[in-house]
Amino acid sequence: MRDKISILNPVEHGARWTGLNRAERYVASKRAVWVSHSSIRLIEADPRNQAARERARNRAAAYDGVTRLMTESELANIPVLMPRKLLWRT
């Protein structure tokens, strides 16, 4: 069974894969079309897809606009495998 469905034209910084149920909902709501049995293409002119693209663009701009280093409390919320190496000081 096809559990993962490829999105051929994902939103920038968005997922390239989705589940079968969500893909079927996108197609049923005319937000996407099936291209093959394991891939869909989002419809560019759909207002919901345009809104998702705009949200992703705004989020990326917010991250790119940060010009300072993270504080230790902000770093504490990032999952890392070896935090002592991340916080190592010379």
PDB file of N, CA and C in Angstrom:
ATOM      1  N   MET A   1       0.844  -1.186   0.000  1.00  0.00           N
ATOM      2  CA  MET A   1       0.000   0.000   0.000  1.00  0.00           C
ATOM      3  C   MET A   1       0.882   1.240   0.000  1.00  0.00           C
ATOM      4  N   ARG A   2       0.430   2.269  -0.574  1.00  0.00           N
ATOM      5  CA  ARG A   2       1.189   3.507  -0.683  1.00  0.00           C
ATOM      6  C   ARG A   2       0.927   4.390   0.533  1.00  0.00           C
ATOM      7  N   ASP A   3       1.830   4.365   1.478  1.00  0.00           N
ATOM      8  CA  ASP A   3       1.651   5.139   2.698  1.00  0.00           C
ATOM      9  C   ASP A   3       2.125   6.575   2.526  1.00  0.00           C
ATOM     10  N   LYS A   4       3.212   6.763   1.811  1.00  0.00           N
ATOM     11  CA  LYS A   4       3.751   8.096   1.611  1.00  0.00           C
ATOM     12  C   LYS A   4       3.475   8.553   0.183  1.00  0.00           C
ATOM     13  N   ILE A   5       3.004   9.775   0.069  1.00  0.00           N
ATOM     14  CA  ILE A   5       2.687  10.347  -1.227  1.00  0.00           C
ATOM     15  C   ILE A   5       3.618  11.527  -1.457  1.00  0.00           C
ATOM     16  N   SER A   6       4.273  11.557  -2.588  1.00  0.00           N
ATOM     17  CA  SER A   6       5.191  12.635  -2.927  1.00  0.00           C
ATOM     18  C   SER A   6       4.423  13.860  -3.406  1.00  0.00           C
ATOM     19  N   ILE A   7       4.827  15.037  -2.928  1.00  0.00           N
ATOM     20  CA  ILE A   7       4.259  16.296  -3.419  1.00  0.00           C
ATOM     21  C   ILE A   7       5.260  16.852  -4.418  1.00  0.00           C
ATOM     22  N   LEU A   8       4.880  16.929  -5.682  1.00  0.00           N
ATOM     23  CA  LEU A   8       5.819  17.304  -6.731  1.00  0.00           C
ATOM     24  C   LEU A   8       6.186  18.782  -6.714  1.00  0.00           C
ATOM     25  N   ASN A   9       5.294  19.629  -6.243  1.00  0.00           N
ATOM     26  CA  ASN A   9       5.586  21.068  -6.165  1.00  0.00           C
ATOM     27  C   ASN A   9       5.256  21.598  -4.771  1.00  0.00           C
ATOM     28  N   PRO A  10       6.034  21.181  -3.758  1.00  0.00           N
ATOM     29  CA  PRO A  10       5.709  21.585  -2.394  1.00  0.00           C
ATOM     30  C   PRO A  10       5.945  23.080  -2.179  1.00  0.00           C
ATOM     31  N   VAL A  11       5.317  23.598  -1.138  1.00  0.00           N
ATOM     32  CA  VAL A  11       5.556  24.970  -0.724  1.00  0.00           C
ATOM     33  C   VAL A  11       7.019  25.073  -0.307  1.00  0.00           C
ATOM     34  N   GLU A  12       7.664  26.188  -0.631  1.00  0.00           N
ATOM     35  CA  GLU A  12       9.063  26.360  -0.253  1.00  0.00           C
ATOM     36  C   GLU A  12       9.209  26.204   1.252  1.00  0.00           C
ATOM     37  N   HIS A  13      10.194  25.452   1.689  1.00  0.00           N
ATOM     38  CA  HIS A  13      10.441  25.106   3.086  1.00  0.00           C
ATOM     39  C   HIS A  13       9.346  24.198   3.637  1.00  0.00           C
ATOM     40  N   GLY A  14       8.546  23.606   2.787  1.00  0.00           N
ATOM     41  CA  GLY A  14       7.463  22.726   3.227  1.00  0.00           C
ATOM     42  C   GLY A  14       7.820  21.264   3.005  1.00  0.00           C
ATOM     43  N   ALA A  15       6.925  20.404   3.441  1.00  0.00           N
ATOM     44  CA  ALA A  15       7.141  18.967   3.326  1.00  0.00           C
ATOM     45  C   ALA A  15       7.038  18.518   1.867  1.00  0.00           C
ATOM     46  N   ARG A  16       7.891  17.590   1.493  1.00  0.00           N
ATOM     47  CA  ARG A  16       7.862  17.017   0.149  1.00  0.00           C
ATOM     48  C   ARG A  16       7.045  15.735   0.119  1.00  0.00           C
ATOM     49  N   TRP A  17       6.603  15.279   1.281  1.00  0.00           N
ATOM     50  CA  TRP A  17       5.835  14.049   1.399  1.00  0.00           C
ATOM     51  C   TRP A  17       4.622  14.308   2.272  1.00  0.00           C
ATOM     52  N   THR A  18       3.581  13.552   2.039  1.00  0.00           N
ATOM     53  CA  THR A  18       2.399  13.601   2.892  1.00  0.00           C
ATOM     54  C   THR A  18       1.822  12.194   2.968  1.00  0.00           C
ATOM     55  N   GLY A  19       0.896  12.012   3.870  1.00  0.00           N
ATOM     56  CA  GLY A  19       0.247  10.712   4.011  1.00  0.00           C
ATOM     57  C   GLY A  19      -0.865  10.541   2.992  1.00  0.00           C
ATOM     58  N   LEU A  20      -1.290   9.330   2.832  1.00  0.00           N
ATOM     59  CA  LEU A  20      -2.333   9.006   1.865  1.00  0.00           C
ATOM     60  C   LEU A  20      -3.644   9.715   2.198  1.00  0.00           C
ATOM     61  N   ASN A  21      -4.039   9.723   3.473  1.00  0.00           N
ATOM     62  CA  ASN A  21      -5.304  10.361   3.849  1.00  0.00           C
ATOM     63  C   ASN A  21      -5.304  11.844   3.515  1.00  0.00           C
ATOM     64  N   ARG A  22      -4.223  12.539   3.858  1.00  0.00           N
ATOM     65  CA  ARG A  22      -4.169  13.969   3.574  1.00  0.00           C
ATOM     66  C   ARG A  22      -4.149  14.216   2.067  1.00  0.00           C
ATOM     67  N   ALA A  23      -3.415  13.404   1.323  1.00  0.00           N
ATOM     68  CA  ALA A  23      -3.378  13.556  -0.127  1.00  0.00           C
ATOM     69  C   ALA A  23      -4.771  13.382  -0.724  1.00  0.00           C
ATOM     70  N   GLU A  24      -5.509  12.393  -0.239  1.00  0.00           N
ATOM     71  CA  GLU A  24      -6.874  12.185  -0.728  1.00  0.00           C
ATOM     72  C   GLU A  24      -7.780  13.369  -0.386  1.00  0.00           C
ATOM     73  N   ARG A  25      -7.586  13.967   0.801  1.00  0.00           N
ATOM     74  CA  ARG A  25      -8.376  15.154   1.165  1.00  0.00           C
ATOM     75  C   ARG A  25      -8.027  16.335   0.258  1.00  0.00           C
ATOM     76  N   TYR A  26      -6.742  16.525  -0.053  1.00  0.00           N
ATOM     77  CA  TYR A  26      -6.339  17.612  -0.962  1.00  0.00           C
ATOM     78  C   TYR A  26      -6.988  17.442  -2.328  1.00  0.00           C
ATOM     79  N   VAL A  27      -6.982  16.225  -2.840  1.00  0.00           N
ATOM     80  CA  VAL A  27      -7.573  15.968  -4.156  1.00  0.00           C
ATOM     81  C   VAL A  27      -9.093  16.121  -4.101  1.00  0.00           C
ATOM     82  N   ALA A  28      -9.718  15.625  -3.047  1.00  0.00           N
ATOM     83  CA  ALA A  28     -11.177  15.725  -2.924  1.00  0.00           C
ATOM     84  C   ALA A  28     -11.636  17.181  -2.826  1.00  0.00           C
ATOM     85  N   SER A  29     -10.810  18.032  -2.206  1.00  0.00           N
ATOM     86  CA  SER A  29     -11.176  19.443  -2.069  1.00  0.00           C
ATOM     87  C   SER A  29     -10.695  20.278  -3.254  1.00  0.00           C
ATOM     88  N   LYS A  30     -10.186  19.618  -4.284  1.00  0.00           N
ATOM     89  CA  LYS A  30      -9.715  20.269  -5.516  1.00  0.00           C
ATOM     90  C   LYS A  30      -8.531  21.198  -5.259  1.00  0.00           C
ATOM     91  N   ARG A  31      -7.742  20.850  -4.246  1.00  0.00           N
ATOM     92  CA  ARG A  31      -6.545  21.616  -3.913  1.00  0.00           C
ATOM     93  C   ARG A  31      -5.312  21.017  -4.589  1.00  0.00           C
ATOM     94  N   ALA A  32      -5.443  19.770  -5.045  1.00  0.00           N
ATOM     95  CA  ALA A  32      -4.348  19.054  -5.701  1.00  0.00           C
ATOM     96  C   ALA A  32      -4.929  18.060  -6.692  1.00  0.00           C
ATOM     97  N   VAL A  33      -4.053  17.531  -7.543  1.00  0.00           N
ATOM     98  CA  VAL A  33      -4.460  16.498  -8.497  1.00  0.00           C
ATOM     99  C   VAL A  33      -3.457  15.343  -8.421  1.00  0.00           C
ATOM    100  N   TRP A  34      -3.968  14.141  -8.679  1.00  0.00           N
ATOM    101  CA  TRP A  34      -3.083  12.974  -8.738  1.00  0.00           C
ATOM    102  C   TRP A  34      -2.261  13.039 -10.018  1.00  0.00           C
ATOM    103  N   VAL A  35      -0.971  12.778  -9.910  1.00  0.00           N
ATOM    104  CA  VAL A  35      -0.098  12.701 -11.081  1.00  0.00           C
ATOM    105  C   VAL A  35       0.231  11.237 -11.360  1.00  0.00           C
ATOM    106  N   SER A  36       0.429  10.473 -10.306  1.00  0.00           N
ATOM    107  CA  SER A  36       0.619   9.026 -10.425  1.00  0.00           C
ATOM    108  C   SER A  36       0.025   8.400  -9.162  1.00  0.00           C
ATOM    109  N   HIS A  37       0.174   7.109  -9.019  1.00  0.00           N
ATOM    110  CA  HIS A  37      -0.402   6.441  -7.849  1.00  0.00           C
ATOM    111  C   HIS A  37       0.300   6.832  -6.555  1.00  0.00           C
ATOM    112  N   SER A  38       1.475   7.458  -6.641  1.00  0.00           N
ATOM    113  CA  SER A  38       2.207   7.817  -5.429  1.00  0.00           C
ATOM    114  C   SER A  38       2.645   9.284  -5.397  1.00  0.00           C
ATOM    115  N   SER A  39       2.027  10.132  -6.208  1.00  0.00           N
ATOM    116  CA  SER A  39       2.404  11.548  -6.186  1.00  0.00           C
ATOM    117  C   SER A  39       1.229  12.445  -6.576  1.00  0.00           C
ATOM    118  N   ILE A  40       1.236  13.648  -5.973  1.00  0.00           N
ATOM    119  CA  ILE A  40       0.226  14.655  -6.279  1.00  0.00           C
ATOM    120  C   ILE A  40       0.929  15.952  -6.663  1.00  0.00           C
ATOM    121  N   ARG A  41       0.192  16.823  -7.311  1.00  0.00           N
ATOM    122  CA  ARG A  41       0.677  18.159  -7.641  1.00  0.00           C
ATOM    123  C   ARG A  41      -0.330  19.156  -7.076  1.00  0.00           C
ATOM    124  N   LEU A  42       0.168  20.106  -6.265  1.00  0.00           N
ATOM    125  CA  LEU A  42      -0.702  21.135  -5.715  1.00  0.00           C
ATOM    126  C   LEU A  42      -1.105  22.101  -6.825  1.00  0.00           C
ATOM    127  N   ILE A  43      -2.317  22.595  -6.770  1.00  0.00           N
ATOM    128  CA  ILE A  43      -2.800  23.553  -7.771  1.00  0.00           C
ATOM    129  C   ILE A  43      -2.365  24.945  -7.336  1.00  0.00           C
ATOM    130  N   GLU A  44      -1.519  25.572  -8.149  1.00  0.00           N
ATOM    131  CA  GLU A  44      -0.921  26.867  -7.796  1.00  0.00           C
ATOM    132  C   GLU A  44      -1.969  27.957  -7.592  1.00  0.00           C
ATOM    133  N   ALA A  45      -3.049  27.931  -8.349  1.00  0.00           N
ATOM    134  CA  ALA A  45      -4.040  29.008  -8.300  1.00  0.00           C
ATOM    135  C   ALA A  45      -5.000  28.894  -7.120  1.00  0.00           C
ATOM    136  N   ASP A  46      -4.952  27.798  -6.381  1.00  0.00           N
ATOM    137  CA  ASP A  46      -5.868  27.628  -5.252  1.00  0.00           C
ATOM    138  C   ASP A  46      -5.497  28.614  -4.138  1.00  0.00           C
ATOM    139  N   PRO A  47      -6.465  29.382  -3.640  1.00  0.00           N
ATOM    140  CA  PRO A  47      -6.168  30.380  -2.596  1.00  0.00           C
ATOM    141  C   PRO A  47      -5.576  29.775  -1.322  1.00  0.00           C
ATOM    142  N   ARG A  48      -5.961  28.537  -0.980  1.00  0.00           N
ATOM    143  CA  ARG A  48      -5.405  27.903   0.218  1.00  0.00           C
ATOM    144  C   ARG A  48      -3.932  27.597   0.036  1.00  0.00           C
ATOM    145  N   ASN A  49      -3.537  27.182  -1.165  1.00  0.00           N
ATOM    146  CA  ASN A  49      -2.125  26.919  -1.433  1.00  0.00           C
ATOM    147  C   ASN A  49      -1.335  28.225  -1.482  1.00  0.00           C
ATOM    148  N   GLN A  50      -1.928  29.280  -2.031  1.00  0.00           N
ATOM    149  CA  GLN A  50      -1.263  30.575  -2.050  1.00  0.00           C
ATOM    150  C   GLN A  50      -1.067  31.102  -0.631  1.00  0.00           C
ATOM    151  N   ALA A  51      -2.064  30.916   0.228  1.00  0.00           N
ATOM    152  CA  ALA A  51      -1.947  31.352   1.622  1.00  0.00           C
ATOM    153  C   ALA A  51      -0.859  30.567   2.350  1.00  0.00           C
ATOM    154  N   ALA A  52      -0.778  29.263   2.105  1.00  0.00           N
ATOM    155  CA  ALA A  52       0.269  28.443   2.726  1.00  0.00           C
ATOM    156  C   ALA A  52       1.643  28.894   2.253  1.00  0.00           C
ATOM    157  N   ARG A  53       1.758  29.214   0.970  1.00  0.00           N
ATOM    158  CA  ARG A  53       3.029  29.698   0.420  1.00  0.00           C
ATOM    159  C   ARG A  53       3.429  31.026   1.079  1.00  0.00           C
ATOM    160  N   GLU A  54       2.463  31.915   1.276  1.00  0.00           N
ATOM    161  CA  GLU A  54       2.735  33.209   1.906  1.00  0.00           C
ATOM    162  C   GLU A  54       3.141  33.037   3.372  1.00  0.00           C
ATOM    163  N   ARG A  55       2.463  32.128   4.098  1.00  0.00           N
ATOM    164  CA  ARG A  55       2.840  31.869   5.490  1.00  0.00           C
ATOM    165  C   ARG A  55       4.265  31.336   5.586  1.00  0.00           C
ATOM    166  N   ALA A  56       4.621  30.428   4.699  1.00  0.00           N
ATOM    167  CA  ALA A  56       5.973  29.874   4.700  1.00  0.00           C
ATOM    168  C   ALA A  56       6.999  30.960   4.383  1.00  0.00           C
ATOM    169  N   ARG A  57       6.667  31.832   3.452  1.00  0.00           N
ATOM    170  CA  ARG A  57       7.576  32.925   3.095  1.00  0.00           C
ATOM    171  C   ARG A  57       7.779  33.868   4.288  1.00  0.00           C
ATOM    172  N   ASN A  58       6.699  34.175   5.006  1.00  0.00           N
ATOM    173  CA  ASN A  58       6.803  35.054   6.176  1.00  0.00           C
ATOM    174  C   ASN A  58       7.620  34.416   7.294  1.00  0.00           C
ATOM    175  N   ARG A  59       7.415  33.105   7.520  1.00  0.00           N
ATOM    176  CA  ARG A  59       8.198  32.416   8.553  1.00  0.00           C
ATOM    177  C   ARG A  59       9.674  32.415   8.204  1.00  0.00           C
ATOM    178  N   ALA A  60      10.008  32.149   6.953  1.00  0.00           N
ATOM    179  CA  ALA A  60      11.405  32.128   6.539  1.00  0.00           C
ATOM    180  C   ALA A  60      12.031  33.513   6.689  1.00  0.00           C
ATOM    181  N   ALA A  61      11.279  34.558   6.365  1.00  0.00           N
ATOM    182  CA  ALA A  61      11.791  35.916   6.497  1.00  0.00           C
ATOM    183  C   ALA A  61      12.045  36.252   7.962  1.00  0.00           C
ATOM    184  N   ALA A  62      11.202  35.766   8.859  1.00  0.00           N
ATOM    185  CA  ALA A  62      11.396  36.029  10.285  1.00  0.00           C
ATOM    186  C   ALA A  62      12.680  35.376  10.786  1.00  0.00           C
ATOM    187  N   TYR A  63      12.973  34.161  10.330  1.00  0.00           N
ATOM    188  CA  TYR A  63      14.209  33.499  10.739  1.00  0.00           C
ATOM    189  C   TYR A  63      15.420  34.191  10.124  1.00  0.00           C
ATOM    190  N   ASP A  64      15.335  34.575   8.875  1.00  0.00           N
ATOM    191  CA  ASP A  64      16.466  35.214   8.208  1.00  0.00           C
ATOM    192  C   ASP A  64      16.744  36.601   8.768  1.00  0.00           C
ATOM    193  N   GLY A  65      15.733  37.227   9.369  1.00  0.00           N
ATOM    194  CA  GLY A  65      15.908  38.570   9.892  1.00  0.00           C
ATOM    195  C   GLY A  65      16.624  38.629  11.233  1.00  0.00           C
ATOM    196  N   VAL A  66      16.841  37.483  11.886  1.00  0.00           N
ATOM    197  CA  VAL A  66      17.511  37.466  13.185  1.00  0.00           C
ATOM    198  C   VAL A  66      19.013  37.647  12.977  1.00  0.00           C
ATOM    199  N   THR A  67      19.590  38.626  13.674  1.00  0.00           N
ATOM    200  CA  THR A  67      21.018  38.926  13.492  1.00  0.00           C
ATOM    201  C   THR A  67      21.812  38.757  14.778  1.00  0.00           C
ATOM    202  N   ARG A  68      21.241  38.108  15.779  1.00  0.00           N
ATOM    203  CA  ARG A  68      21.940  37.933  17.047  1.00  0.00           C
ATOM    204  C   ARG A  68      22.160  36.449  17.311  1.00  0.00           C
ATOM    205  N   LEU A  69      23.032  36.163  18.253  1.00  0.00           N
ATOM    206  CA  LEU A  69      23.237  34.790  18.684  1.00  0.00           C
ATOM    207  C   LEU A  69      22.111  34.374  19.613  1.00  0.00           C
ATOM    208  N   MET A  70      21.871  33.096  19.692  1.00  0.00           N
ATOM    209  CA  MET A  70      20.830  32.592  20.588  1.00  0.00           C
ATOM    210  C   MET A  70      21.320  32.647  22.026  1.00  0.00           C
ATOM    211  N   THR A  71      20.391  32.863  22.943  1.00  0.00           N
ATOM    212  CA  THR A  71      20.731  32.839  24.361  1.00  0.00           C
ATOM    213  C   THR A  71      20.791  31.388  24.830  1.00  0.00           C
ATOM    214  N   GLU A  72      21.349  31.184  26.017  1.00  0.00           N
ATOM    215  CA  GLU A  72      21.438  29.818  26.543  1.00  0.00           C
ATOM    216  C   GLU A  72      20.050  29.230  26.786  1.00  0.00           C
ATOM    217  N   SER A  73      19.095  30.062  27.211  1.00  0.00           N
ATOM    218  CA  SER A  73      17.742  29.539  27.439  1.00  0.00           C
ATOM    219  C   SER A  73      17.081  29.147  26.115  1.00  0.00           C
ATOM    220  N   GLU A  74      17.374  29.860  25.027  1.00  0.00           N
ATOM    221  CA  GLU A  74      16.854  29.477  23.713  1.00  0.00           C
ATOM    222  C   GLU A  74      17.522  28.194  23.237  1.00  0.00           C
ATOM    223  N   LEU A  75      18.826  28.087  23.462  1.00  0.00           N
ATOM    224  CA  LEU A  75      19.551  26.877  23.078  1.00  0.00           C
ATOM    225  C   LEU A  75      19.055  25.658  23.851  1.00  0.00           C
ATOM    226  N   ALA A  76      18.609  25.874  25.078  1.00  0.00           N
ATOM    227  CA  ALA A  76      18.143  24.762  25.907  1.00  0.00           C
ATOM    228  C   ALA A  76      16.908  24.098  25.316  1.00  0.00           C
ATOM    229  N   ASN A  77      16.184  24.788  24.442  1.00  0.00           N
ATOM    230  CA  ASN A  77      14.967  24.229  23.848  1.00  0.00           C
ATOM    231  C   ASN A  77      15.221  23.507  22.530  1.00  0.00           C
ATOM    232  N   ILE A  78      16.473  23.438  22.099  1.00  0.00           N
ATOM    233  CA  ILE A  78      16.803  22.741  20.853  1.00  0.00           C
ATOM    234  C   ILE A  78      17.261  21.331  21.203  1.00  0.00           C
ATOM    235  N   PRO A  79      16.640  20.317  20.624  1.00  0.00           N
ATOM    236  CA  PRO A  79      17.068  18.949  20.931  1.00  0.00           C
ATOM    237  C   PRO A  79      18.407  18.646  20.259  1.00  0.00           C
ATOM    238  N   VAL A  80      19.388  18.259  21.047  1.00  0.00           N
ATOM    239  CA  VAL A  80      20.709  17.891  20.535  1.00  0.00           C
ATOM    240  C   VAL A  80      21.144  16.590  21.189  1.00  0.00           C
ATOM    241  N   LEU A  81      22.037  15.879  20.522  1.00  0.00           N
ATOM    242  CA  LEU A  81      22.495  14.601  21.051  1.00  0.00           C
ATOM    243  C   LEU A  81      23.562  14.764  22.118  1.00  0.00           C
ATOM    244  N   MET A  82      24.452  15.747  21.938  1.00  0.00           N
ATOM    245  CA  MET A  82      25.546  15.936  22.890  1.00  0.00           C
ATOM    246  C   MET A  82      25.625  17.406  23.296  1.00  0.00           C
ATOM    247  N   PRO A  83      24.795  17.837  24.232  1.00  0.00           N
ATOM    248  CA  PRO A  83      24.747  19.252  24.586  1.00  0.00           C
ATOM    249  C   PRO A  83      26.058  19.788  25.130  1.00  0.00           C
ATOM    250  N   ARG A  84      26.877  18.933  25.767  1.00  0.00           N
ATOM    251  CA  ARG A  84      28.136  19.457  26.306  1.00  0.00           C
ATOM    252  C   ARG A  84      29.063  19.909  25.188  1.00  0.00           C
ATOM    253  N   LYS A  85      28.959  19.297  24.018  1.00  0.00           N
ATOM    254  CA  LYS A  85      29.771  19.750  22.890  1.00  0.00           C
ATOM    255  C   LYS A  85      29.215  21.040  22.298  1.00  0.00           C
ATOM    256  N   LEU A  86      27.897  21.176  22.321  1.00  0.00           N
ATOM    257  CA  LEU A  86      27.284  22.388  21.804  1.00  0.00           C
ATOM    258  C   LEU A  86      27.643  23.590  22.655  1.00  0.00           C
ATOM    259  N   LEU A  87      27.653  23.426  23.973  1.00  0.00           N
ATOM    260  CA  LEU A  87      27.919  24.530  24.908  1.00  0.00           C
ATOM    261  C   LEU A  87      29.378  24.601  25.334  1.00  0.00           C
ATOM    262  N   TRP A  88      30.246  23.859  24.672  1.00  0.00           N
ATOM    263  CA  TRP A  88      31.657  23.844  25.029  1.00  0.00           C
ATOM    264  C   TRP A  88      32.269  25.214  24.789  1.00  0.00           C
ATOM    265  N   ARG A  89      33.074  25.667  25.711  1.00  0.00           N
ATOM    266  CA  ARG A  89      33.707  26.987  25.599  1.00  0.00           C
ATOM    267  C   ARG A  89      35.214  26.823  25.629  1.00  0.00           C
ATOM    268  N   THR A  90      35.895  27.710  24.923  1.00  0.00           N
ATOM    269  CA  THR A  90      37.370  27.647  24.897  1.00  0.00           C
ATOM    270  C   THR A  90      37.963  28.454  26.012  1.00  0.00           C
TER     271      THR A  90
END
